[in-house]
Amino acid sequence: MSWKSFVAASLFLSAGLSIRMLPAISAPVPTMTVAAWQPIARINPTKPFQVQIINKTRLGLEYSSTTNEFPPRKLAANATTTLKQLSAPIYLLISPLDGRFNLKYTVSTRDNLVVVTVTQLPDSNPGNTTVNVQETGGIFVY
């Protein structure tokens, strides 16, 4: 034990303080909320995965990858596309062809298929621009 640890322990005990062990929480508590540093969904990163983009807007979209897996592509209003043979990490950028509008992404996963449902937000609300699938399988939306 270092002298600093010894002094700290001595002061702690001389003040009459005690340590009580608490059990670890094994399940999320009802008051737990999703935070920006927590993934909104997950895939198994050791297996191949696909991303399906569902455009539920009346706007044409453009989507691309910052890591250049494919050139920028367009997706028509109310259309769906599936990106195959992707590897993590990947940053997918999805934006409206008409920059006056903002988008919202809702993400779900099933059997290593990432489903990104794109809807339009009111003009004044800030929107999403990026879906990030990390090497760990965590999925984030920015």
N, C-alpha and C. Protein backbone atom coordinates (compact mmCIF):
# COMPACT_ATOMS: atom_id res chain seq x y z
N MET A 1 0.86 -1.17 0.00
CA MET A 1 0.00 0.00 0.00
C MET A 1 0.90 1.23 0.00
N SER A 2 0.60 2.18 -0.87
CA SER A 2 1.41 3.39 -0.93
C SER A 2 1.07 4.27 0.28
N TRP A 3 1.94 5.20 0.56
CA TRP A 3 1.72 6.07 1.72
C TRP A 3 0.49 6.95 1.52
N LYS A 4 0.18 7.34 0.25
CA LYS A 4 -1.01 8.15 0.00
C LYS A 4 -2.27 7.36 0.29
N SER A 5 -2.28 6.09 -0.11
CA SER A 5 -3.44 5.23 0.16
C SER A 5 -3.59 5.00 1.65
N PHE A 6 -2.45 4.83 2.35
CA PHE A 6 -2.49 4.60 3.80
C PHE A 6 -3.05 5.83 4.52
N VAL A 7 -2.61 7.02 4.12
CA VAL A 7 -3.10 8.25 4.75
C VAL A 7 -4.58 8.43 4.47
N ALA A 8 -5.00 8.19 3.23
CA ALA A 8 -6.42 8.34 2.88
C ALA A 8 -7.28 7.35 3.67
N ALA A 9 -6.83 6.10 3.78
CA ALA A 9 -7.58 5.09 4.53
C ALA A 9 -7.64 5.45 6.01
N SER A 10 -6.53 5.96 6.56
CA SER A 10 -6.50 6.35 7.97
C SER A 10 -7.47 7.49 8.25
N LEU A 11 -7.47 8.51 7.40
CA LEU A 11 -8.39 9.63 7.58
C LEU A 11 -9.84 9.17 7.44
N PHE A 12 -10.09 8.28 6.49
CA PHE A 12 -11.43 7.77 6.26
C PHE A 12 -11.94 7.04 7.51
N LEU A 13 -11.10 6.17 8.06
CA LEU A 13 -11.50 5.39 9.23
C LEU A 13 -11.58 6.24 10.50
N SER A 14 -10.67 7.19 10.65
CA SER A 14 -10.68 8.02 11.85
C SER A 14 -11.88 8.95 11.89
N ALA A 15 -12.45 9.23 10.74
CA ALA A 15 -13.63 10.10 10.70
C ALA A 15 -14.89 9.32 11.04
N GLY A 16 -14.76 8.01 11.25
CA GLY A 16 -15.91 7.19 11.61
C GLY A 16 -16.78 6.82 10.43
N LEU A 17 -16.24 6.91 9.23
CA LEU A 17 -17.01 6.56 8.05
C LEU A 17 -16.88 5.07 7.76
N SER A 18 -17.88 4.50 7.18
CA SER A 18 -17.82 3.08 6.83
C SER A 18 -18.20 2.90 5.37
N ILE A 19 -17.84 1.77 4.84
CA ILE A 19 -18.15 1.44 3.47
C ILE A 19 -19.22 0.36 3.47
N ARG A 20 -20.28 0.60 2.70
CA ARG A 20 -21.35 -0.39 2.59
C ARG A 20 -21.39 -0.86 1.14
N MET A 21 -21.32 -2.15 0.93
CA MET A 21 -21.34 -2.71 -0.42
C MET A 21 -22.78 -2.78 -0.90
N LEU A 22 -23.02 -2.33 -2.12
CA LEU A 22 -24.34 -2.37 -2.72
C LEU A 22 -24.34 -3.39 -3.85
N PRO A 23 -25.45 -4.10 -4.06
CA PRO A 23 -25.49 -5.06 -5.16
C PRO A 23 -25.48 -4.33 -6.51
N ALA A 24 -24.91 -4.99 -7.49
CA ALA A 24 -24.89 -4.42 -8.85
C ALA A 24 -26.27 -4.53 -9.47
N ILE A 25 -26.62 -3.57 -10.29
CA ILE A 25 -27.89 -3.61 -11.00
C ILE A 25 -27.68 -4.44 -12.26
N SER A 26 -28.43 -5.52 -12.40
CA SER A 26 -28.24 -6.40 -13.54
C SER A 26 -29.19 -6.09 -14.69
N ALA A 27 -30.25 -5.37 -14.44
CA ALA A 27 -31.20 -5.03 -15.49
C ALA A 27 -31.43 -3.53 -15.47
N PRO A 28 -31.81 -2.95 -16.60
CA PRO A 28 -32.07 -1.51 -16.61
C PRO A 28 -33.19 -1.15 -15.64
N VAL A 29 -33.00 -0.07 -14.96
CA VAL A 29 -34.04 0.39 -14.04
C VAL A 29 -35.08 1.17 -14.83
N PRO A 30 -36.32 1.24 -14.34
CA PRO A 30 -37.37 1.92 -15.10
C PRO A 30 -37.08 3.37 -15.44
N THR A 31 -36.25 4.03 -14.64
CA THR A 31 -35.96 5.44 -14.89
C THR A 31 -34.80 5.64 -15.86
N MET A 32 -34.18 4.54 -16.34
CA MET A 32 -33.05 4.66 -17.26
C MET A 32 -33.55 5.18 -18.61
N THR A 33 -32.83 6.14 -19.15
CA THR A 33 -33.19 6.69 -20.46
C THR A 33 -32.03 6.50 -21.42
N VAL A 34 -32.34 6.48 -22.69
CA VAL A 34 -31.31 6.36 -23.71
C VAL A 34 -30.54 7.67 -23.77
N ALA A 35 -29.23 7.57 -23.85
CA ALA A 35 -28.39 8.76 -23.91
C ALA A 35 -27.58 8.72 -25.20
N ALA A 36 -27.01 9.85 -25.56
CA ALA A 36 -26.29 9.98 -26.83
C ALA A 36 -25.12 9.01 -26.96
N TRP A 37 -24.52 8.61 -25.87
CA TRP A 37 -23.36 7.73 -25.93
C TRP A 37 -23.76 6.25 -25.99
N GLN A 38 -25.05 5.95 -25.91
CA GLN A 38 -25.53 4.57 -25.98
C GLN A 38 -26.06 4.29 -27.39
N PRO A 39 -25.74 3.12 -27.95
CA PRO A 39 -26.27 2.81 -29.28
C PRO A 39 -27.79 2.68 -29.25
N ILE A 40 -28.43 3.06 -30.34
CA ILE A 40 -29.89 2.94 -30.40
C ILE A 40 -30.31 1.56 -30.89
N ALA A 41 -29.37 0.82 -31.48
CA ALA A 41 -29.61 -0.54 -31.93
C ALA A 41 -28.25 -1.22 -32.08
N ARG A 42 -28.28 -2.54 -32.30
CA ARG A 42 -27.03 -3.30 -32.45
C ARG A 42 -27.18 -4.37 -33.52
N ILE A 43 -26.04 -4.70 -34.13
CA ILE A 43 -25.93 -5.85 -35.01
C ILE A 43 -24.81 -6.72 -34.47
N ASN A 44 -24.69 -7.92 -35.02
CA ASN A 44 -23.55 -8.78 -34.71
C ASN A 44 -22.45 -8.42 -35.70
N PRO A 45 -21.37 -7.76 -35.26
CA PRO A 45 -20.35 -7.28 -36.19
C PRO A 45 -19.49 -8.40 -36.78
N THR A 46 -19.60 -9.62 -36.26
CA THR A 46 -18.81 -10.73 -36.80
C THR A 46 -19.50 -11.37 -38.00
N LYS A 47 -20.73 -10.95 -38.29
CA LYS A 47 -21.48 -11.49 -39.43
C LYS A 47 -21.75 -10.38 -40.44
N PRO A 48 -21.96 -10.76 -41.71
CA PRO A 48 -22.29 -9.74 -42.71
C PRO A 48 -23.60 -9.03 -42.34
N PHE A 49 -23.72 -7.78 -42.74
CA PHE A 49 -24.97 -7.06 -42.47
C PHE A 49 -25.37 -6.25 -43.70
N GLN A 50 -26.65 -5.88 -43.70
CA GLN A 50 -27.22 -5.07 -44.77
C GLN A 50 -27.94 -3.88 -44.14
N VAL A 51 -28.11 -2.84 -44.94
CA VAL A 51 -28.88 -1.67 -44.49
C VAL A 51 -30.00 -1.44 -45.50
N GLN A 52 -31.21 -1.40 -44.99
CA GLN A 52 -32.38 -1.08 -45.82
C GLN A 52 -32.81 0.34 -45.50
N ILE A 53 -32.93 1.18 -46.52
CA ILE A 53 -33.39 2.56 -46.34
C ILE A 53 -34.80 2.64 -46.90
N ILE A 54 -35.74 3.03 -46.04
CA ILE A 54 -37.14 3.19 -46.44
C ILE A 54 -37.45 4.68 -46.43
N ASN A 55 -37.70 5.24 -47.60
CA ASN A 55 -37.99 6.67 -47.73
C ASN A 55 -39.50 6.87 -47.62
N LYS A 56 -39.96 7.33 -46.46
CA LYS A 56 -41.39 7.59 -46.26
C LYS A 56 -41.70 9.08 -46.41
N THR A 57 -40.93 9.76 -47.23
CA THR A 57 -41.16 11.18 -47.47
C THR A 57 -41.64 11.38 -48.90
N ARG A 58 -42.04 12.58 -49.20
CA ARG A 58 -42.40 12.95 -50.57
C ARG A 58 -41.22 13.59 -51.28
N LEU A 59 -40.04 13.41 -50.69
CA LEU A 59 -38.81 14.02 -51.21
C LEU A 59 -37.89 12.97 -51.79
N GLY A 60 -37.15 13.34 -52.83
CA GLY A 60 -36.07 12.50 -53.28
C GLY A 60 -34.91 12.62 -52.30
N LEU A 61 -34.18 11.53 -52.09
CA LEU A 61 -33.05 11.52 -51.17
C LEU A 61 -31.77 11.17 -51.91
N GLU A 62 -30.65 11.58 -51.32
CA GLU A 62 -29.35 11.14 -51.78
C GLU A 62 -28.67 10.47 -50.60
N TYR A 63 -28.02 9.33 -50.85
CA TYR A 63 -27.32 8.65 -49.76
C TYR A 63 -25.94 8.23 -50.25
N SER A 64 -25.00 8.23 -49.33
CA SER A 64 -23.62 7.87 -49.65
C SER A 64 -22.93 7.41 -48.38
N SER A 65 -21.69 7.01 -48.53
CA SER A 65 -20.88 6.56 -47.40
C SER A 65 -19.63 7.41 -47.32
N THR A 66 -19.26 7.81 -46.11
CA THR A 66 -18.04 8.60 -45.96
C THR A 66 -16.80 7.75 -46.17
N THR A 67 -16.95 6.43 -46.12
CA THR A 67 -15.80 5.55 -46.32
C THR A 67 -15.77 4.97 -47.74
N ASN A 68 -16.58 5.54 -48.64
CA ASN A 68 -16.54 5.28 -50.08
C ASN A 68 -16.78 3.83 -50.49
N GLU A 69 -17.70 3.12 -49.79
CA GLU A 69 -18.05 1.77 -50.22
C GLU A 69 -18.81 1.79 -51.55
N PHE A 70 -19.44 2.93 -51.85
CA PHE A 70 -20.20 3.08 -53.09
C PHE A 70 -20.31 4.57 -53.39
N PRO A 71 -20.52 4.91 -54.67
CA PRO A 71 -20.69 6.33 -55.01
C PRO A 71 -22.05 6.83 -54.52
N PRO A 72 -22.23 8.15 -54.41
CA PRO A 72 -23.53 8.69 -54.00
C PRO A 72 -24.65 8.18 -54.92
N ARG A 73 -25.78 7.86 -54.30
CA ARG A 73 -26.94 7.33 -55.04
C ARG A 73 -28.18 8.11 -54.66
N LYS A 74 -29.19 8.02 -55.52
CA LYS A 74 -30.46 8.70 -55.26
C LYS A 74 -31.54 7.67 -54.94
N LEU A 75 -32.50 8.08 -54.11
CA LEU A 75 -33.63 7.24 -53.74
C LEU A 75 -34.89 8.09 -53.92
N ALA A 76 -35.81 7.61 -54.75
CA ALA A 76 -37.03 8.36 -55.05
C ALA A 76 -37.93 8.45 -53.82
N ALA A 77 -38.86 9.39 -53.86
CA ALA A 77 -39.86 9.53 -52.79
C ALA A 77 -40.63 8.22 -52.64
N ASN A 78 -40.91 7.85 -51.39
CA ASN A 78 -41.68 6.64 -51.07
C ASN A 78 -41.09 5.37 -51.67
N ALA A 79 -39.77 5.30 -51.77
CA ALA A 79 -39.10 4.12 -52.32
C ALA A 79 -38.23 3.47 -51.24
N THR A 80 -37.78 2.26 -51.52
CA THR A 80 -36.94 1.50 -50.58
C THR A 80 -35.76 0.93 -51.35
N THR A 81 -34.61 0.87 -50.67
CA THR A 81 -33.42 0.25 -51.25
C THR A 81 -32.70 -0.53 -50.16
N THR A 82 -31.90 -1.51 -50.57
CA THR A 82 -31.12 -2.29 -49.61
C THR A 82 -29.66 -2.29 -50.04
N LEU A 83 -28.79 -1.91 -49.11
CA LEU A 83 -27.34 -1.90 -49.33
C LEU A 83 -26.79 -3.21 -48.79
N LYS A 84 -26.07 -3.94 -49.62
CA LYS A 84 -25.57 -5.27 -49.24
C LYS A 84 -24.06 -5.27 -49.16
N GLN A 85 -23.53 -6.31 -48.53
CA GLN A 85 -22.09 -6.54 -48.41
C GLN A 85 -21.37 -5.34 -47.79
N LEU A 86 -21.90 -4.86 -46.68
CA LEU A 86 -21.28 -3.74 -45.98
C LEU A 86 -20.39 -4.26 -44.86
N SER A 87 -19.41 -3.48 -44.50
CA SER A 87 -18.56 -3.82 -43.36
C SER A 87 -18.48 -2.62 -42.44
N ALA A 88 -18.34 -2.92 -41.17
CA ALA A 88 -18.24 -1.87 -40.15
C ALA A 88 -16.78 -1.50 -39.96
N PRO A 89 -16.48 -0.27 -39.66
CA PRO A 89 -17.41 0.83 -39.43
C PRO A 89 -17.85 1.46 -40.74
N ILE A 90 -19.03 2.03 -40.71
CA ILE A 90 -19.54 2.75 -41.87
C ILE A 90 -20.38 3.92 -41.39
N TYR A 91 -20.25 5.04 -42.08
CA TYR A 91 -21.06 6.23 -41.83
C TYR A 91 -21.91 6.44 -43.08
N LEU A 92 -23.22 6.27 -42.96
CA LEU A 92 -24.12 6.51 -44.07
C LEU A 92 -24.71 7.90 -43.95
N LEU A 93 -24.57 8.67 -44.99
CA LEU A 93 -25.12 10.02 -45.03
C LEU A 93 -26.38 9.98 -45.88
N ILE A 94 -27.49 10.44 -45.33
CA ILE A 94 -28.75 10.47 -46.06
C ILE A 94 -29.28 11.90 -45.97
N SER A 95 -29.54 12.49 -47.13
CA SER A 95 -30.01 13.88 -47.12
C SER A 95 -31.05 14.09 -48.21
N PRO A 96 -31.94 15.07 -48.00
CA PRO A 96 -32.94 15.36 -49.03
C PRO A 96 -32.28 16.08 -50.20
N LEU A 97 -32.78 15.82 -51.40
CA LEU A 97 -32.27 16.54 -52.57
C LEU A 97 -32.59 18.02 -52.47
N ASP A 98 -33.70 18.34 -51.82
CA ASP A 98 -34.08 19.72 -51.56
C ASP A 98 -33.63 20.05 -50.14
N GLY A 99 -32.56 20.82 -50.00
CA GLY A 99 -31.96 21.11 -48.70
C GLY A 99 -32.80 21.94 -47.75
N ARG A 100 -33.98 22.36 -48.16
CA ARG A 100 -34.84 23.15 -47.27
C ARG A 100 -35.54 22.28 -46.23
N PHE A 101 -35.45 20.97 -46.36
CA PHE A 101 -36.19 20.08 -45.47
C PHE A 101 -35.25 19.29 -44.57
N ASN A 102 -35.78 18.88 -43.41
CA ASN A 102 -35.01 18.11 -42.44
C ASN A 102 -35.61 16.71 -42.31
N LEU A 103 -34.75 15.75 -41.98
CA LEU A 103 -35.16 14.36 -41.93
C LEU A 103 -35.02 13.78 -40.53
N LYS A 104 -35.82 12.77 -40.25
CA LYS A 104 -35.71 12.00 -39.01
C LYS A 104 -35.53 10.54 -39.39
N TYR A 105 -34.56 9.86 -38.72
CA TYR A 105 -34.31 8.45 -38.96
C TYR A 105 -34.83 7.65 -37.77
N THR A 106 -35.54 6.59 -38.06
CA THR A 106 -35.92 5.61 -37.05
C THR A 106 -35.21 4.32 -37.44
N VAL A 107 -34.43 3.75 -36.50
CA VAL A 107 -33.59 2.59 -36.81
C VAL A 107 -34.06 1.38 -36.02
N SER A 108 -34.14 0.25 -36.71
CA SER A 108 -34.41 -1.03 -36.05
C SER A 108 -33.51 -2.08 -36.69
N THR A 109 -33.34 -3.21 -36.01
CA THR A 109 -32.52 -4.29 -36.55
C THR A 109 -33.26 -5.62 -36.40
N ARG A 110 -32.97 -6.52 -37.33
CA ARG A 110 -33.50 -7.88 -37.28
C ARG A 110 -32.59 -8.76 -38.13
N ASP A 111 -32.02 -9.79 -37.52
CA ASP A 111 -31.16 -10.74 -38.26
C ASP A 111 -30.06 -10.03 -39.05
N ASN A 112 -29.41 -9.08 -38.42
CA ASN A 112 -28.31 -8.30 -39.00
C ASN A 112 -28.72 -7.47 -40.21
N LEU A 113 -30.01 -7.15 -40.27
CA LEU A 113 -30.52 -6.18 -41.24
C LEU A 113 -30.83 -4.90 -40.47
N VAL A 114 -30.19 -3.82 -40.85
CA VAL A 114 -30.45 -2.51 -40.24
C VAL A 114 -31.49 -1.82 -41.10
N VAL A 115 -32.64 -1.49 -40.50
CA VAL A 115 -33.70 -0.82 -41.23
C VAL A 115 -33.73 0.64 -40.80
N VAL A 116 -33.51 1.54 -41.75
CA VAL A 116 -33.54 2.97 -41.50
C VAL A 116 -34.78 3.54 -42.18
N THR A 117 -35.75 3.94 -41.38
CA THR A 117 -36.97 4.54 -41.92
C THR A 117 -36.81 6.05 -41.85
N VAL A 118 -36.93 6.70 -43.00
CA VAL A 118 -36.70 8.14 -43.11
C VAL A 118 -38.05 8.85 -43.24
N THR A 119 -38.29 9.81 -42.34
CA THR A 119 -39.49 10.64 -42.40
C THR A 119 -39.07 12.11 -42.42
N GLN A 120 -40.00 12.96 -42.80
CA GLN A 120 -39.72 14.40 -42.88
C GLN A 120 -40.14 15.08 -41.59
N LEU A 121 -39.32 16.02 -41.13
CA LEU A 121 -39.63 16.83 -39.96
C LEU A 121 -40.17 18.18 -40.39
N PRO A 122 -40.91 18.87 -39.49
CA PRO A 122 -41.29 20.25 -39.79
C PRO A 122 -40.01 21.08 -40.04
N ASP A 123 -40.14 22.09 -40.87
CA ASP A 123 -38.98 22.88 -41.29
C ASP A 123 -38.12 23.40 -40.15
N SER A 124 -38.72 23.73 -39.02
CA SER A 124 -37.97 24.38 -37.95
C SER A 124 -37.20 23.40 -37.07
N ASN A 125 -37.46 22.10 -37.16
CA ASN A 125 -36.78 21.13 -36.31
C ASN A 125 -35.47 20.68 -36.94
N PRO A 126 -34.39 20.59 -36.14
CA PRO A 126 -33.14 20.06 -36.69
C PRO A 126 -33.32 18.57 -36.96
N GLY A 127 -32.66 18.08 -37.97
CA GLY A 127 -32.86 16.69 -38.36
C GLY A 127 -31.60 15.85 -38.24
N ASN A 128 -31.71 14.60 -38.70
CA ASN A 128 -30.60 13.66 -38.71
C ASN A 128 -29.90 13.73 -40.06
N THR A 129 -28.62 13.37 -40.08
CA THR A 129 -27.86 13.35 -41.33
C THR A 129 -27.05 12.06 -41.50
N THR A 130 -26.77 11.35 -40.39
CA THR A 130 -25.82 10.24 -40.45
C THR A 130 -26.29 9.05 -39.64
N VAL A 131 -26.09 7.85 -40.19
CA VAL A 131 -26.25 6.59 -39.46
C VAL A 131 -24.87 5.98 -39.38
N ASN A 132 -24.40 5.71 -38.18
CA ASN A 132 -23.06 5.17 -37.95
C ASN A 132 -23.18 3.76 -37.38
N VAL A 133 -22.63 2.78 -38.11
CA VAL A 133 -22.53 1.41 -37.61
C VAL A 133 -21.07 1.20 -37.21
N GLN A 134 -20.84 1.02 -35.93
CA GLN A 134 -19.47 0.92 -35.43
C GLN A 134 -18.94 -0.51 -35.50
N GLU A 135 -17.62 -0.64 -35.37
CA GLU A 135 -16.97 -1.97 -35.39
C GLU A 135 -17.51 -2.89 -34.30
N THR A 136 -18.01 -2.32 -33.20
CA THR A 136 -18.54 -3.12 -32.11
C THR A 136 -19.97 -3.59 -32.38
N GLY A 137 -20.58 -3.09 -33.46
CA GLY A 137 -21.97 -3.43 -33.77
C GLY A 137 -22.96 -2.40 -33.29
N GLY A 138 -22.51 -1.42 -32.51
CA GLY A 138 -23.39 -0.36 -32.03
C GLY A 138 -23.77 0.56 -33.17
N ILE A 139 -25.04 0.99 -33.17
CA ILE A 139 -25.55 1.86 -34.22
C ILE A 139 -25.98 3.19 -33.59
N PHE A 140 -25.49 4.27 -34.17
CA PHE A 140 -25.78 5.62 -33.68
C PHE A 140 -26.37 6.46 -34.80
N VAL A 141 -27.20 7.43 -34.43
CA VAL A 141 -27.77 8.36 -35.41
C VAL A 141 -27.36 9.77 -34.98
N TYR A 142 -26.86 10.54 -35.93
CA TYR A 142 -26.46 11.92 -35.66
C TYR A 142 -27.23 12.84 -36.57
